Amino acid sequence: MRDSDIPKKKKDSDPRRAGSPAIEALALFRLVGKNGDTAETLRELISVSDRELTELHEWAACSSPAVAVGIENMLKFRSKVAREFDRLA
């Protein structure tokens, strides 16, 4: 069976929908040593800087509750990806 033969679920077709933190961490870990990427540069890619965190919290504070929850969920996801990445590294 080819990938094209496997029916796609609606959730799989949304590119904004986050997958598993472990899968994302593994995909990023596979980039170590390619295109100049190191474990450290990839950790920087995964992380949210203090400046970004401040801006996101300010945005959440003046947005709808749904946006605020989405931002918090994204931050939790990034944290989980970082933990998984560190486990692999």
N, C-alpha and C. Protein backbone atom coordinates (compact mmCIF):
# COMPACT_ATOMS: atom_id res chain seq x y z
N MET A 1 0.85 -1.18 0.00
CA MET A 1 0.00 0.00 0.00
C MET A 1 0.89 1.24 0.00
N ARG A 2 0.60 2.17 -0.87
CA ARG A 2 1.35 3.42 -0.96
C ARG A 2 0.74 4.46 -0.04
N ASP A 3 1.55 5.47 0.33
CA ASP A 3 1.05 6.56 1.17
C ASP A 3 -0.18 7.22 0.56
N SER A 4 -0.18 7.33 -0.76
CA SER A 4 -1.31 7.99 -1.42
C SER A 4 -2.59 7.17 -1.31
N ASP A 5 -2.46 5.87 -1.00
CA ASP A 5 -3.64 5.01 -0.86
C ASP A 5 -4.26 5.10 0.53
N ILE A 6 -3.51 5.66 1.47
CA ILE A 6 -4.01 5.75 2.84
C ILE A 6 -4.87 7.00 2.96
N PRO A 7 -6.13 6.82 3.37
CA PRO A 7 -7.01 7.99 3.48
C PRO A 7 -6.49 8.95 4.54
N LYS A 8 -6.55 10.22 4.22
CA LYS A 8 -6.12 11.26 5.14
C LYS A 8 -7.28 11.64 6.06
N LYS A 9 -6.97 11.77 7.34
CA LYS A 9 -7.97 12.23 8.28
C LYS A 9 -7.97 13.75 8.24
N LYS A 10 -9.11 14.31 8.60
CA LYS A 10 -9.22 15.77 8.56
C LYS A 10 -8.12 16.42 9.40
N LYS A 11 -7.85 15.87 10.60
CA LYS A 11 -6.83 16.47 11.46
C LYS A 11 -5.46 16.42 10.82
N ASP A 12 -5.19 15.43 9.95
CA ASP A 12 -3.90 15.31 9.30
C ASP A 12 -3.72 16.34 8.18
N SER A 13 -4.80 16.90 7.72
CA SER A 13 -4.71 17.82 6.60
C SER A 13 -4.49 19.27 7.03
N ASP A 14 -4.52 19.54 8.32
CA ASP A 14 -4.35 20.90 8.81
C ASP A 14 -2.88 21.12 9.17
N PRO A 15 -2.14 21.88 8.36
CA PRO A 15 -0.71 22.06 8.63
C PRO A 15 -0.42 22.86 9.90
N ARG A 16 -1.43 23.52 10.45
CA ARG A 16 -1.23 24.29 11.68
C ARG A 16 -1.43 23.43 12.92
N ARG A 17 -1.93 22.23 12.74
CA ARG A 17 -2.18 21.33 13.87
C ARG A 17 -0.87 20.66 14.27
N ALA A 18 -0.54 20.84 15.53
CA ALA A 18 0.71 20.24 16.03
C ALA A 18 0.56 18.74 16.16
N GLY A 19 1.62 18.04 15.85
CA GLY A 19 1.63 16.60 16.03
C GLY A 19 2.17 16.27 17.41
N SER A 20 2.80 15.16 17.52
CA SER A 20 3.38 14.72 18.78
C SER A 20 4.68 15.47 19.05
N PRO A 21 4.91 15.90 20.29
CA PRO A 21 6.18 16.53 20.62
C PRO A 21 7.36 15.59 20.36
N ALA A 22 7.16 14.31 20.61
CA ALA A 22 8.24 13.34 20.39
C ALA A 22 8.58 13.23 18.91
N ILE A 23 7.59 13.26 18.05
CA ILE A 23 7.82 13.16 16.61
C ILE A 23 8.52 14.42 16.10
N GLU A 24 8.08 15.58 16.59
CA GLU A 24 8.74 16.82 16.17
C GLU A 24 10.18 16.86 16.65
N ALA A 25 10.41 16.43 17.89
CA ALA A 25 11.78 16.42 18.43
C ALA A 25 12.66 15.48 17.62
N LEU A 26 12.15 14.32 17.26
CA LEU A 26 12.93 13.37 16.48
C LEU A 26 13.24 13.94 15.09
N ALA A 27 12.25 14.57 14.47
CA ALA A 27 12.48 15.17 13.15
C ALA A 27 13.57 16.24 13.23
N LEU A 28 13.54 17.05 14.28
CA LEU A 28 14.57 18.08 14.45
C LEU A 28 15.92 17.45 14.78
N PHE A 29 15.92 16.42 15.61
CA PHE A 29 17.17 15.76 15.97
C PHE A 29 17.87 15.18 14.75
N ARG A 30 17.09 14.72 13.80
CA ARG A 30 17.67 14.16 12.57
C ARG A 30 18.40 15.22 11.74
N LEU A 31 18.18 16.48 12.04
CA LEU A 31 18.85 17.56 11.32
C LEU A 31 20.25 17.87 11.87
N VAL A 32 20.57 17.32 13.05
CA VAL A 32 21.89 17.57 13.63
C VAL A 32 22.96 17.12 12.65
N GLY A 33 23.90 18.02 12.36
CA GLY A 33 24.99 17.72 11.44
C GLY A 33 24.66 17.99 9.98
N LYS A 34 23.45 18.39 9.70
CA LYS A 34 23.06 18.71 8.33
C LYS A 34 22.86 20.21 8.21
N ASN A 35 23.26 20.75 7.08
CA ASN A 35 23.06 22.19 6.81
C ASN A 35 23.64 23.08 7.90
N GLY A 36 24.66 22.61 8.60
CA GLY A 36 25.28 23.41 9.64
C GLY A 36 24.54 23.40 10.96
N ASP A 37 23.47 22.61 11.07
CA ASP A 37 22.71 22.57 12.31
C ASP A 37 23.44 21.75 13.37
N THR A 38 23.42 22.29 14.58
CA THR A 38 23.97 21.58 15.74
C THR A 38 22.83 21.39 16.73
N ALA A 39 23.08 20.57 17.73
CA ALA A 39 22.06 20.40 18.77
C ALA A 39 21.72 21.75 19.40
N GLU A 40 22.73 22.59 19.58
CA GLU A 40 22.49 23.90 20.21
C GLU A 40 21.65 24.82 19.31
N THR A 41 21.95 24.87 18.02
CA THR A 41 21.15 25.75 17.14
C THR A 41 19.71 25.25 17.05
N LEU A 42 19.54 23.94 17.11
CA LEU A 42 18.18 23.40 17.07
C LEU A 42 17.44 23.64 18.38
N ARG A 43 18.16 23.61 19.50
CA ARG A 43 17.53 23.99 20.78
C ARG A 43 17.04 25.43 20.72
N GLU A 44 17.84 26.30 20.10
CA GLU A 44 17.42 27.70 19.95
C GLU A 44 16.16 27.80 19.09
N LEU A 45 16.08 26.97 18.07
CA LEU A 45 14.90 26.95 17.20
C LEU A 45 13.66 26.52 17.97
N ILE A 46 13.82 25.53 18.84
CA ILE A 46 12.70 25.00 19.62
C ILE A 46 12.27 25.98 20.70
N SER A 47 13.22 26.64 21.31
CA SER A 47 12.93 27.46 22.48
C SER A 47 12.16 28.73 22.13
N VAL A 48 11.60 29.32 23.17
CA VAL A 48 10.92 30.61 23.06
C VAL A 48 11.74 31.57 23.91
N SER A 49 12.26 32.61 23.28
CA SER A 49 13.11 33.57 24.01
C SER A 49 12.28 34.34 25.04
N ASP A 50 12.97 34.96 25.97
CA ASP A 50 12.29 35.78 26.98
C ASP A 50 11.50 36.90 26.32
N ARG A 51 12.07 37.51 25.30
CA ARG A 51 11.38 38.59 24.58
C ARG A 51 10.10 38.07 23.92
N GLU A 52 10.22 36.91 23.25
CA GLU A 52 9.04 36.32 22.62
C GLU A 52 7.99 35.94 23.66
N LEU A 53 8.45 35.40 24.77
CA LEU A 53 7.53 34.99 25.83
C LEU A 53 6.76 36.19 26.38
N THR A 54 7.47 37.30 26.59
CA THR A 54 6.82 38.52 27.05
C THR A 54 5.77 38.99 26.05
N GLU A 55 6.13 39.01 24.78
CA GLU A 55 5.18 39.45 23.75
C GLU A 55 3.97 38.52 23.67
N LEU A 56 4.21 37.23 23.77
CA LEU A 56 3.10 36.28 23.71
C LEU A 56 2.17 36.43 24.91
N HIS A 57 2.73 36.65 26.09
CA HIS A 57 1.88 36.86 27.27
C HIS A 57 1.10 38.17 27.16
N GLU A 58 1.72 39.20 26.61
CA GLU A 58 1.00 40.47 26.41
C GLU A 58 -0.14 40.28 25.40
N TRP A 59 0.14 39.53 24.34
CA TRP A 59 -0.88 39.25 23.33
C TRP A 59 -2.02 38.45 23.96
N ALA A 60 -1.68 37.46 24.75
CA ALA A 60 -2.71 36.63 25.39
C ALA A 60 -3.58 37.46 26.33
N ALA A 61 -2.95 38.39 27.02
CA ALA A 61 -3.67 39.21 28.00
C ALA A 61 -4.72 40.11 27.35
N CYS A 62 -4.49 40.53 26.12
CA CYS A 62 -5.43 41.46 25.47
C CYS A 62 -6.26 40.78 24.38
N SER A 63 -6.21 39.45 24.33
CA SER A 63 -6.95 38.71 23.32
C SER A 63 -8.12 37.97 23.95
N SER A 64 -8.81 37.26 23.11
CA SER A 64 -9.92 36.44 23.59
C SER A 64 -9.38 35.28 24.41
N PRO A 65 -10.21 34.70 25.26
CA PRO A 65 -9.77 33.52 26.02
C PRO A 65 -9.29 32.38 25.13
N ALA A 66 -9.91 32.21 23.98
CA ALA A 66 -9.50 31.14 23.06
C ALA A 66 -8.07 31.37 22.55
N VAL A 67 -7.74 32.60 22.24
CA VAL A 67 -6.38 32.91 21.78
C VAL A 67 -5.40 32.70 22.92
N ALA A 68 -5.75 33.14 24.12
CA ALA A 68 -4.87 32.96 25.28
C ALA A 68 -4.60 31.49 25.54
N VAL A 69 -5.62 30.66 25.46
CA VAL A 69 -5.45 29.21 25.66
C VAL A 69 -4.57 28.62 24.56
N GLY A 70 -4.78 29.07 23.33
CA GLY A 70 -3.95 28.60 22.22
C GLY A 70 -2.49 28.93 22.42
N ILE A 71 -2.21 30.13 22.89
CA ILE A 71 -0.83 30.55 23.15
C ILE A 71 -0.23 29.69 24.25
N GLU A 72 -0.95 29.50 25.33
CA GLU A 72 -0.44 28.67 26.43
C GLU A 72 -0.21 27.23 25.98
N ASN A 73 -1.11 26.71 25.17
CA ASN A 73 -0.93 25.34 24.66
C ASN A 73 0.31 25.25 23.77
N MET A 74 0.54 26.27 22.97
CA MET A 74 1.73 26.28 22.10
C MET A 74 3.00 26.32 22.95
N LEU A 75 2.99 27.12 24.01
CA LEU A 75 4.16 27.21 24.88
C LEU A 75 4.43 25.87 25.57
N LYS A 76 3.37 25.22 26.02
CA LYS A 76 3.51 23.89 26.64
C LYS A 76 4.07 22.89 25.63
N PHE A 77 3.58 22.97 24.39
CA PHE A 77 4.05 22.07 23.34
C PHE A 77 5.54 22.27 23.09
N ARG A 78 5.97 23.53 22.97
CA ARG A 78 7.39 23.81 22.73
C ARG A 78 8.24 23.25 23.88
N SER A 79 7.74 23.38 25.10
CA SER A 79 8.47 22.86 26.25
C SER A 79 8.60 21.33 26.17
N LYS A 80 7.54 20.67 25.76
CA LYS A 80 7.57 19.21 25.61
C LYS A 80 8.52 18.80 24.50
N VAL A 81 8.53 19.54 23.40
CA VAL A 81 9.47 19.25 22.30
C VAL A 81 10.90 19.39 22.81
N ALA A 82 11.16 20.44 23.58
CA ALA A 82 12.51 20.67 24.11
C ALA A 82 12.94 19.51 25.02
N ARG A 83 12.04 19.05 25.89
CA ARG A 83 12.38 17.93 26.77
C ARG A 83 12.68 16.66 25.97
N GLU A 84 11.86 16.40 24.95
CA GLU A 84 12.08 15.23 24.11
C GLU A 84 13.39 15.34 23.34
N PHE A 85 13.67 16.53 22.82
CA PHE A 85 14.91 16.75 22.08
C PHE A 85 16.11 16.51 22.99
N ASP A 86 16.06 17.04 24.21
CA ASP A 86 17.17 16.85 25.15
C ASP A 86 17.35 15.37 25.50
N ARG A 87 16.27 14.64 25.56
CA ARG A 87 16.35 13.21 25.83
C ARG A 87 17.09 12.49 24.71
N LEU A 88 16.89 12.95 23.46
CA LEU A 88 17.53 12.33 22.30
C LEU A 88 18.99 12.73 22.17
N ALA A 89 19.30 13.95 22.56
CA ALA A 89 20.65 14.50 22.35
C ALA A 89 21.68 13.94 23.31
